C-alpha atoms as a PDB file:
ATOM      1  CA  UNK A   1      30.689 -56.326 -86.006  1.00  0.00           C
ATOM      2  CA  UNK A   2      28.314 -55.515 -83.633  1.00  0.00           C
ATOM      3  CA  UNK A   3      27.066 -57.680 -80.711  1.00  0.00           C
ATOM      4  CA  UNK A   4      23.817 -58.047 -79.085  1.00  0.00           C
ATOM      5  CA  UNK A   5      23.613 -57.976 -75.387  1.00  0.00           C
ATOM      6  CA  UNK A   6      20.775 -60.006 -73.969  1.00  0.00           C
ATOM      7  CA  UNK A   7      18.626 -58.069 -70.266  1.00  0.00           C
ATOM      8  CA  UNK A   8      19.542 -61.594 -68.231  1.00  0.00           C
ATOM      9  CA  UNK A   9      18.308 -61.595 -64.553  1.00  0.00           C
ATOM     10  CA  UNK A  10      19.222 -63.859 -62.006  1.00  0.00           C
ATOM     11  CA  UNK A  11      16.836 -66.680 -61.040  1.00  0.00           C
ATOM     12  CA  UNK A  12      18.832 -67.192 -57.840  1.00  0.00           C
ATOM     13  CA  UNK A  13      17.984 -65.303 -55.026  1.00  0.00           C
ATOM     14  CA  UNK A  14      20.543 -63.015 -53.765  1.00  0.00           C
ATOM     15  CA  UNK A  15      19.479 -62.444 -50.234  1.00  0.00           C
ATOM     16  CA  UNK A  16      18.016 -64.729 -47.332  1.00  0.00           C
ATOM     17  CA  UNK A  17      14.435 -62.612 -47.641  1.00  0.00           C
ATOM     18  CA  UNK A  18      14.374 -63.359 -51.320  1.00  0.00           C
ATOM     19  CA  UNK A  19      15.407 -67.130 -50.615  1.00  0.00           C
ATOM     20  CA  UNK A  20      12.156 -67.135 -47.996  1.00  0.00           C
ATOM     21  CA  UNK A  21       9.926 -65.556 -50.149  1.00  0.00           C
ATOM     22  CA  UNK A  22      11.095 -67.830 -53.244  1.00  0.00           C
ATOM     23  CA  UNK A  23      10.193 -70.739 -50.631  1.00  0.00           C
ATOM     24  CA  UNK A  24       7.093 -69.124 -50.085  1.00  0.00           C
ATOM     25  CA  UNK A  25       5.739 -69.135 -53.281  1.00  0.00           C
ATOM     26  CA  UNK A  26       6.416 -72.871 -53.651  1.00  0.00           C
ATOM     27  CA  UNK A  27       3.187 -74.537 -54.898  1.00  0.00           C
ATOM     28  CA  UNK A  28       1.518 -76.865 -52.015  1.00  0.00           C
ATOM     29  CA  UNK A  29       2.102 -80.118 -54.130  1.00  0.00           C
ATOM     30  CA  UNK A  30       5.664 -79.783 -53.817  1.00  0.00           C
ATOM     31  CA  UNK A  31       5.663 -78.921 -50.085  1.00  0.00           C
ATOM     32  CA  UNK A  32       3.425 -81.652 -49.412  1.00  0.00           C
ATOM     33  CA  UNK A  33       5.416 -84.799 -47.476  1.00  0.00           C
ATOM     34  CA  UNK A  34       5.748 -87.827 -49.318  1.00  0.00           C
ATOM     35  CA  UNK A  35       5.513 -90.304 -46.511  1.00  0.00           C
ATOM     36  CA  UNK A  36       6.587 -90.571 -42.656  1.00  0.00           C
ATOM     37  CA  UNK A  37      10.003 -90.326 -41.458  1.00  0.00           C
ATOM     38  CA  UNK A  38      11.732 -93.736 -40.871  1.00  0.00           C
ATOM     39  CA  UNK A  39      12.027 -94.799 -37.437  1.00  0.00           C
ATOM     40  CA  UNK A  40      15.543 -94.197 -36.287  1.00  0.00           C
ATOM     41  CA  UNK A  41      17.632 -97.644 -36.310  1.00  0.00           C
ATOM     42  CA  UNK A  42      20.820 -98.932 -34.342  1.00  0.00           C
ATOM     43  CA  UNK A  43      23.995 -98.887 -36.373  1.00  0.00           C
ATOM     44  CA  UNK A  44      25.914-102.153 -37.166  1.00  0.00           C
ATOM     45  CA  UNK A  45      28.622-102.434 -34.655  1.00  0.00           C
ATOM     46  CA  UNK A  46      32.158-100.926 -35.518  1.00  0.00           C
ATOM     47  CA  UNK A  47      35.299-103.532 -35.504  1.00  0.00           C
ATOM     48  CA  UNK A  48      38.446-102.551 -36.573  1.00  0.00           C
ATOM     49  CA  UNK A  49      40.444-105.672 -37.925  1.00  0.00           C
ATOM     50  CA  UNK A  50      43.803-106.431 -37.092  1.00  0.00           C
ATOM     51  CA  UNK A  51      45.300-105.510 -40.518  1.00  0.00           C
ATOM     52  CA  UNK A  52      43.690-102.057 -39.908  1.00  0.00           C
ATOM     53  CA  UNK A  53      45.623-102.177 -37.176  1.00  0.00           C
ATOM     54  CA  UNK A  54      48.846-103.338 -38.146  1.00  0.00           C
ATOM     55  CA  UNK A  55      48.871-100.222 -40.596  1.00  0.00           C
ATOM     56  CA  UNK A  56      49.358 -98.035 -37.823  1.00  0.00           C
ATOM     57  CA  UNK A  57      50.762 -99.843 -35.066  1.00  0.00           C
ATOM     58  CA  UNK A  58      54.040 -98.198 -35.186  1.00  0.00           C
ATOM     59  CA  UNK A  59      52.155 -94.563 -35.508  1.00  0.00           C
ATOM     60  CA  UNK A  60      52.230 -93.122 -32.141  1.00  0.00           C
ATOM     61  CA  UNK A  61      49.832 -90.995 -32.487  1.00  0.00           C
ATOM     62  CA  UNK A  62      47.130 -93.766 -32.701  1.00  0.00           C
ATOM     63  CA  UNK A  63      48.159 -95.253 -29.471  1.00  0.00           C
ATOM     64  CA  UNK A  64      48.050 -99.129 -30.589  1.00  0.00           C
END
């Protein structure tokens, strides 16, 4: 029984130079920005409930 072996080449870059070349070959339509970056917003306040504190109260590492 014979097996045919196909010559398979990788489409993934194997060096940083190949990666840069691949990126440079992208069409402009894929490089175009889809819109402005949203403005940064404040994070919601962070709170720890009594139930969470109770879970670690006896553990010295947590300093409760």
